[in-house]
Structure formats: structure tokens, C-alpha cells
Amino acid sequence: MQIFLWIAAIIALITGIVLWVNPKLLIYTGDVLNKEFETDTVFLKKRITFGILLIFLGGLMIYTLIWI
């Protein structure tokens, strides 16, 4: 169970950083993966908010996992 939380935390951190730094990379990745990631205009307009939120949640999950 703990390994799944680690994976979710790492994915959240990476996705948050990509949204914050280079959102076009996420769009390209979504296109390559047959639109696995829905990157509509609302999501891209609020990319900084979503990015910071994902970074915070990923960091919180990793911090919690370290202390378990």
C-alpha cells in the first residue's frame, strides 16, 4: 500500500512541476498518449494554481510517508 502512495506522490510532484514550468510539455505528452491527459482551456488557464496545489500535495504525501 505504501508503494502506491509513493508513486502517487511522485506523479503529483512531477505533474505539478511540469504544469508550473512548461505546460506545453504536458500538452505534447497528452497528444502522444492519445489524449490520456485532458488538457482543456480551463485547466491551462489555471495551470499555476493546479501546479502549486499538486506540488504541495505531492510534498505533503512524501512528508507523511517518511514519518509513517
PDB file of N, CA and C in Angstrom:
ATOM      1  N   MET A   1       0.827  -1.194   0.000  1.00  0.00           N
ATOM      2  CA  MET A   1       0.000   0.000   0.000  1.00  0.00           C
ATOM      3  C   MET A   1       0.869   1.256   0.000  1.00  0.00           C
ATOM      4  N   GLN A   2       1.950   1.197   0.728  1.00  0.00           N
ATOM      5  CA  GLN A   2       2.805   2.367   0.839  1.00  0.00           C
ATOM      6  C   GLN A   2       3.479   2.697  -0.492  1.00  0.00           C
ATOM      7  N   ILE A   3       3.785   1.695  -1.290  1.00  0.00           N
ATOM      8  CA  ILE A   3       4.428   1.942  -2.579  1.00  0.00           C
ATOM      9  C   ILE A   3       3.490   2.714  -3.511  1.00  0.00           C
ATOM     10  N   PHE A   4       2.182   2.456  -3.433  1.00  0.00           N
ATOM     11  CA  PHE A   4       1.223   3.184  -4.261  1.00  0.00           C
ATOM     12  C   PHE A   4       1.162   4.657  -3.861  1.00  0.00           C
ATOM     13  N   LEU A   5       1.257   4.936  -2.567  1.00  0.00           N
ATOM     14  CA  LEU A   5       1.277   6.327  -2.114  1.00  0.00           C
ATOM     15  C   LEU A   5       2.539   7.037  -2.586  1.00  0.00           C
ATOM     16  N   TRP A   6       3.683   6.342  -2.564  1.00  0.00           N
ATOM     17  CA  TRP A   6       4.924   6.926  -3.077  1.00  0.00           C
ATOM     18  C   TRP A   6       4.790   7.261  -4.557  1.00  0.00           C
ATOM     19  N   ILE A   7       4.226   6.351  -5.317  1.00  0.00           N
ATOM     20  CA  ILE A   7       4.057   6.573  -6.752  1.00  0.00           C
ATOM     21  C   ILE A   7       3.112   7.755  -6.999  1.00  0.00           C
ATOM     22  N   ALA A   8       2.005   7.811  -6.275  1.00  0.00           N
ATOM     23  CA  ALA A   8       1.057   8.914  -6.433  1.00  0.00           C
ATOM     24  C   ALA A   8       1.701  10.251  -6.067  1.00  0.00           C
ATOM     25  N   ALA A   9       2.496  10.254  -5.009  1.00  0.00           N
ATOM     26  CA  ALA A   9       3.170  11.484  -4.590  1.00  0.00           C
ATOM     27  C   ALA A   9       4.172  11.949  -5.634  1.00  0.00           C
ATOM     28  N   ILE A  10       4.938  11.044  -6.178  1.00  0.00           N
ATOM     29  CA  ILE A  10       5.939  11.401  -7.189  1.00  0.00           C
ATOM     30  C   ILE A  10       5.260  11.893  -8.466  1.00  0.00           C
ATOM     31  N   ILE A  11       4.186  11.233  -8.875  1.00  0.00           N
ATOM     32  CA  ILE A  11       3.450  11.671 -10.067  1.00  0.00           C
ATOM     33  C   ILE A  11       2.863  13.060  -9.841  1.00  0.00           C
ATOM     34  N   ALA A  12       2.305  13.304  -8.657  1.00  0.00           N
ATOM     35  CA  ALA A  12       1.746  14.626  -8.362  1.00  0.00           C
ATOM     36  C   ALA A  12       2.824  15.701  -8.396  1.00  0.00           C
ATOM     37  N   LEU A  13       3.992  15.412  -7.826  1.00  0.00           N
ATOM     38  CA  LEU A  13       5.088  16.380  -7.851  1.00  0.00           C
ATOM     39  C   LEU A  13       5.549  16.670  -9.267  1.00  0.00           C
ATOM     40  N   ILE A  14       5.762  15.644 -10.042  1.00  0.00           N
ATOM     41  CA  ILE A  14       6.245  15.837 -11.417  1.00  0.00           C
ATOM     42  C   ILE A  14       5.214  16.585 -12.253  1.00  0.00           C
ATOM     43  N   THR A  15       3.944  16.203 -12.136  1.00  0.00           N
ATOM     44  CA  THR A  15       2.900  16.882 -12.898  1.00  0.00           C
ATOM     45  C   THR A  15       2.774  18.340 -12.485  1.00  0.00           C
ATOM     46  N   GLY A  16       2.861  18.602 -11.203  1.00  0.00           N
ATOM     47  CA  GLY A  16       2.801  19.981 -10.720  1.00  0.00           C
ATOM     48  C   GLY A  16       3.953  20.825 -11.232  1.00  0.00           C
ATOM     49  N   ILE A  17       5.144  20.262 -11.224  1.00  0.00           N
ATOM     50  CA  ILE A  17       6.309  20.995 -11.717  1.00  0.00           C
ATOM     51  C   ILE A  17       6.193  21.252 -13.215  1.00  0.00           C
ATOM     52  N   VAL A  18       5.740  20.254 -13.968  1.00  0.00           N
ATOM     53  CA  VAL A  18       5.572  20.425 -15.419  1.00  0.00           C
ATOM     54  C   VAL A  18       4.513  21.489 -15.704  1.00  0.00           C
ATOM     55  N   LEU A  19       3.402  21.476 -14.971  1.00  0.00           N
ATOM     56  CA  LEU A  19       2.368  22.491 -15.177  1.00  0.00           C
ATOM     57  C   LEU A  19       2.887  23.889 -14.877  1.00  0.00           C
ATOM     58  N   TRP A  20       3.720  23.994 -13.888  1.00  0.00           N
ATOM     59  CA  TRP A  20       4.217  25.295 -13.453  1.00  0.00           C
ATOM     60  C   TRP A  20       5.293  25.821 -14.394  1.00  0.00           C
ATOM     61  N   VAL A  21       6.177  24.946 -14.846  1.00  0.00           N
ATOM     62  CA  VAL A  21       7.338  25.365 -15.618  1.00  0.00           C
ATOM     63  C   VAL A  21       7.078  25.325 -17.128  1.00  0.00           C
ATOM     64  N   ASN A  22       6.541  24.216 -17.631  1.00  0.00           N
ATOM     65  CA  ASN A  22       6.418  24.036 -19.073  1.00  0.00           C
ATOM     66  C   ASN A  22       5.100  23.334 -19.409  1.00  0.00           C
ATOM     67  N   PRO A  23       3.982  24.073 -19.454  1.00  0.00           N
ATOM     68  CA  PRO A  23       2.690  23.414 -19.697  1.00  0.00           C
ATOM     69  C   PRO A  23       2.570  22.811 -21.093  1.00  0.00           C
ATOM     70  N   LYS A  24       3.328  23.316 -22.057  1.00  0.00           N
ATOM     71  CA  LYS A  24       3.241  22.759 -23.409  1.00  0.00           C
ATOM     72  C   LYS A  24       3.775  21.337 -23.460  1.00  0.00           C
ATOM     73  N   LEU A  25       4.696  21.000 -22.567  1.00  0.00           N
ATOM     74  CA  LEU A  25       5.199  19.627 -22.495  1.00  0.00           C
ATOM     75  C   LEU A  25       4.083  18.672 -22.089  1.00  0.00           C
ATOM     76  N   LEU A  26       3.219  19.117 -21.182  1.00  0.00           N
ATOM     77  CA  LEU A  26       2.093  18.286 -20.767  1.00  0.00           C
ATOM     78  C   LEU A  26       1.111  18.093 -21.917  1.00  0.00           C
ATOM     79  N   ILE A  27       0.895  19.137 -22.707  1.00  0.00           N
ATOM     80  CA  ILE A  27       0.016  19.018 -23.874  1.00  0.00           C
ATOM     81  C   ILE A  27       0.609  18.027 -24.875  1.00  0.00           C
ATOM     82  N   TYR A  28       1.901  18.155 -25.132  1.00  0.00           N
ATOM     83  CA  TYR A  28       2.572  17.237 -26.058  1.00  0.00           C
ATOM     84  C   TYR A  28       2.485  15.798 -25.555  1.00  0.00           C
ATOM     85  N   THR A  29       2.725  15.608 -24.257  1.00  0.00           N
ATOM     86  CA  THR A  29       2.645  14.275 -23.672  1.00  0.00           C
ATOM     87  C   THR A  29       1.227  13.726 -23.803  1.00  0.00           C
ATOM     88  N   GLY A  30       0.226  14.588 -23.581  1.00  0.00           N
ATOM     89  CA  GLY A  30      -1.168  14.165 -23.731  1.00  0.00           C
ATOM     90  C   GLY A  30      -1.491  13.743 -25.151  1.00  0.00           C
ATOM     91  N   ASP A  31      -0.943  14.486 -26.124  1.00  0.00           N
ATOM     92  CA  ASP A  31      -1.171  14.105 -27.522  1.00  0.00           C
ATOM     93  C   ASP A  31      -0.514  12.774 -27.851  1.00  0.00           C
ATOM     94  N   VAL A  32       0.693  12.585 -27.358  1.00  0.00           N
ATOM     95  CA  VAL A  32       1.415  11.339 -27.631  1.00  0.00           C
ATOM     96  C   VAL A  32       0.699  10.152 -27.000  1.00  0.00           C
ATOM     97  N   LEU A  33       0.168  10.331 -25.827  1.00  0.00           N
ATOM     98  CA  LEU A  33      -0.509   9.235 -25.126  1.00  0.00           C
ATOM     99  C   LEU A  33      -1.991   9.139 -25.482  1.00  0.00           C
ATOM    100  N   ASN A  34      -2.332   9.586 -26.691  1.00  0.00           N
ATOM    101  CA  ASN A  34      -3.712   9.516 -27.183  1.00  0.00           C
ATOM    102  C   ASN A  34      -4.692  10.233 -26.272  1.00  0.00           C
ATOM    103  N   LYS A  35      -4.285  11.414 -25.877  1.00  0.00           N
ATOM    104  CA  LYS A  35      -5.119  12.282 -25.040  1.00  0.00           C
ATOM    105  C   LYS A  35      -5.506  11.614 -23.722  1.00  0.00           C
ATOM    106  N   GLU A  36      -4.546  10.939 -23.146  1.00  0.00           N
ATOM    107  CA  GLU A  36      -4.767  10.340 -21.827  1.00  0.00           C
ATOM    108  C   GLU A  36      -5.011  11.432 -20.780  1.00  0.00           C
ATOM    109  N   PHE A  37      -4.306  12.541 -20.939  1.00  0.00           N
ATOM    110  CA  PHE A  37      -4.481  13.687 -20.047  1.00  0.00           C
ATOM    111  C   PHE A  37      -5.373  14.712 -20.745  1.00  0.00           C
ATOM    112  N   GLU A  38      -6.487  15.039 -20.143  1.00  0.00           N
ATOM    113  CA  GLU A  38      -7.380  16.041 -20.713  1.00  0.00           C
ATOM    114  C   GLU A  38      -6.862  17.423 -20.332  1.00  0.00           C
ATOM    115  N   THR A  39      -6.295  18.116 -21.290  1.00  0.00           N
ATOM    116  CA  THR A  39      -5.739  19.453 -21.043  1.00  0.00           C
ATOM    117  C   THR A  39      -6.595  20.478 -21.763  1.00  0.00           C
ATOM    118  N   ASP A  40      -7.763  20.761 -21.208  1.00  0.00           N
ATOM    119  CA  ASP A  40      -8.641  21.732 -21.833  1.00  0.00           C
ATOM    120  C   ASP A  40      -8.251  23.148 -21.421  1.00  0.00           C
ATOM    121  N   THR A  41      -8.937  24.135 -21.947  1.00  0.00           N
ATOM    122  CA  THR A  41      -8.545  25.525 -21.741  1.00  0.00           C
ATOM    123  C   THR A  41      -8.686  25.965 -20.293  1.00  0.00           C
ATOM    124  N   VAL A  42      -9.689  25.482 -19.582  1.00  0.00           N
ATOM    125  CA  VAL A  42      -9.851  25.876 -18.178  1.00  0.00           C
ATOM    126  C   VAL A  42      -8.662  25.389 -17.353  1.00  0.00           C
ATOM    127  N   PHE A  43      -8.242  24.178 -17.609  1.00  0.00           N
ATOM    128  CA  PHE A  43      -7.113  23.600 -16.881  1.00  0.00           C
ATOM    129  C   PHE A  43      -5.836  24.388 -17.168  1.00  0.00           C
ATOM    130  N   LEU A  44      -5.644  24.770 -18.425  1.00  0.00           N
ATOM    131  CA  LEU A  44      -4.438  25.514 -18.780  1.00  0.00           C
ATOM    132  C   LEU A  44      -4.483  26.956 -18.276  1.00  0.00           C
ATOM    133  N   LYS A  45      -5.664  27.543 -18.205  1.00  0.00           N
ATOM    134  CA  LYS A  45      -5.767  28.909 -17.679  1.00  0.00           C
ATOM    135  C   LYS A  45      -5.395  28.958 -16.199  1.00  0.00           C
ATOM    136  N   LYS A  46      -5.688  27.905 -15.479  1.00  0.00           N
ATOM    137  CA  LYS A  46      -5.394  27.858 -14.049  1.00  0.00           C
ATOM    138  C   LYS A  46      -4.222  26.931 -13.756  1.00  0.00           C
ATOM    139  N   ARG A  47      -3.294  26.828 -14.688  1.00  0.00           N
ATOM    140  CA  ARG A  47      -2.187  25.883 -14.575  1.00  0.00           C
ATOM    141  C   ARG A  47      -1.283  26.183 -13.390  1.00  0.00           C
ATOM    142  N   ILE A  48      -1.058  27.446 -13.067  1.00  0.00           N
ATOM    143  CA  ILE A  48      -0.178  27.776 -11.950  1.00  0.00           C
ATOM    144  C   ILE A  48      -0.832  27.341 -10.638  1.00  0.00           C
ATOM    145  N   THR A  49      -2.131  27.585 -10.507  1.00  0.00           N
ATOM    146  CA  THR A  49      -2.845  27.163  -9.297  1.00  0.00           C
ATOM    147  C   THR A  49      -2.817  25.649  -9.150  1.00  0.00           C
ATOM    148  N   PHE A  50      -3.135  24.936 -10.239  1.00  0.00           N
ATOM    149  CA  PHE A  50      -3.107  23.480 -10.193  1.00  0.00           C
ATOM    150  C   PHE A  50      -1.691  22.963  -9.956  1.00  0.00           C
ATOM    151  N   GLY A  51      -0.710  23.588 -10.566  1.00  0.00           N
ATOM    152  CA  GLY A  51       0.680  23.169 -10.389  1.00  0.00           C
ATOM    153  C   GLY A  51       1.133  23.304  -8.954  1.00  0.00           C
ATOM    154  N   ILE A  52       0.858  24.462  -8.344  1.00  0.00           N
ATOM    155  CA  ILE A  52       1.250  24.682  -6.945  1.00  0.00           C
ATOM    156  C   ILE A  52       0.504  23.719  -6.030  1.00  0.00           C
ATOM    157  N   LEU A  53      -0.771  23.502  -6.303  1.00  0.00           N
ATOM    158  CA  LEU A  53      -1.555  22.570  -5.494  1.00  0.00           C
ATOM    159  C   LEU A  53      -0.994  21.149  -5.590  1.00  0.00           C
ATOM    160  N   LEU A  54      -0.652  20.703  -6.795  1.00  0.00           N
ATOM    161  CA  LEU A  54      -0.102  19.355  -6.961  1.00  0.00           C
ATOM    162  C   LEU A  54       1.278  19.222  -6.308  1.00  0.00           C
ATOM    163  N   ILE A  55       2.106  20.260  -6.414  1.00  0.00           N
ATOM    164  CA  ILE A  55       3.410  20.224  -5.760  1.00  0.00           C
ATOM    165  C   ILE A  55       3.227  20.133  -4.252  1.00  0.00           C
ATOM    166  N   PHE A  56       2.316  20.934  -3.706  1.00  0.00           N
ATOM    167  CA  PHE A  56       2.067  20.914  -2.263  1.00  0.00           C
ATOM    168  C   PHE A  56       1.546  19.547  -1.814  1.00  0.00           C
ATOM    169  N   LEU A  57       0.577  19.006  -2.551  1.00  0.00           N
ATOM    170  CA  LEU A  57       0.006  17.708  -2.162  1.00  0.00           C
ATOM    171  C   LEU A  57       1.021  16.577  -2.306  1.00  0.00           C
ATOM    172  N   GLY A  58       1.824  16.614  -3.367  1.00  0.00           N
ATOM    173  CA  GLY A  58       2.868  15.607  -3.525  1.00  0.00           C
ATOM    174  C   GLY A  58       3.894  15.680  -2.408  1.00  0.00           C
ATOM    175  N   GLY A  59       4.304  16.898  -2.065  1.00  0.00           N
ATOM    176  CA  GLY A  59       5.249  17.072  -0.958  1.00  0.00           C
ATOM    177  C   GLY A  59       4.657  16.621   0.367  1.00  0.00           C
ATOM    178  N   LEU A  60       3.384  16.928   0.586  1.00  0.00           N
ATOM    179  CA  LEU A  60       2.705  16.501   1.810  1.00  0.00           C
ATOM    180  C   LEU A  60       2.628  14.979   1.897  1.00  0.00           C
ATOM    181  N   MET A  61       2.333  14.323   0.748  1.00  0.00           N
ATOM    182  CA  MET A  61       2.276  12.860   0.754  1.00  0.00           C
ATOM    183  C   MET A  61       3.649  12.260   1.057  1.00  0.00           C
ATOM    184  N   ILE A  62       4.700  12.818   0.461  1.00  0.00           N
ATOM    185  CA  ILE A  62       6.046  12.304   0.718  1.00  0.00           C
ATOM    186  C   ILE A  62       6.436  12.551   2.170  1.00  0.00           C
ATOM    187  N   TYR A  63       6.130  13.743   2.698  1.00  0.00           N
ATOM    188  CA  TYR A  63       6.434  14.038   4.104  1.00  0.00           C
ATOM    189  C   TYR A  63       5.707  13.068   5.031  1.00  0.00           C
ATOM    190  N   THR A  64       4.433  12.799   4.726  1.00  0.00           N
ATOM    191  CA  THR A  64       3.665  11.862   5.544  1.00  0.00           C
ATOM    192  C   THR A  64       4.236  10.451   5.453  1.00  0.00           C
ATOM    193  N   LEU A  65       4.644  10.040   4.263  1.00  0.00           N
ATOM    194  CA  LEU A  65       5.196   8.691   4.092  1.00  0.00           C
ATOM    195  C   LEU A  65       6.529   8.529   4.810  1.00  0.00           C
ATOM    196  N   ILE A  66       7.318   9.581   4.874  1.00  0.00           N
ATOM    197  CA  ILE A  66       8.599   9.495   5.571  1.00  0.00           C
ATOM    198  C   ILE A  66       8.386   9.250   7.061  1.00  0.00           C
ATOM    199  N   TRP A  67       7.356   9.834   7.629  1.00  0.00           N
ATOM    200  CA  TRP A  67       7.123   9.731   9.062  1.00  0.00           C
ATOM    201  C   TRP A  67       6.242   8.561   9.461  1.00  0.00           C
ATOM    202  N   ILE A  68       5.816   7.734   8.499  1.00  0.00           N
ATOM    203  CA  ILE A  68       4.985   6.560   8.840  1.00  0.00           C
ATOM    204  C   ILE A  68       5.875   5.462   9.347  1.00  0.00           C
TER     205      ILE A  68
END
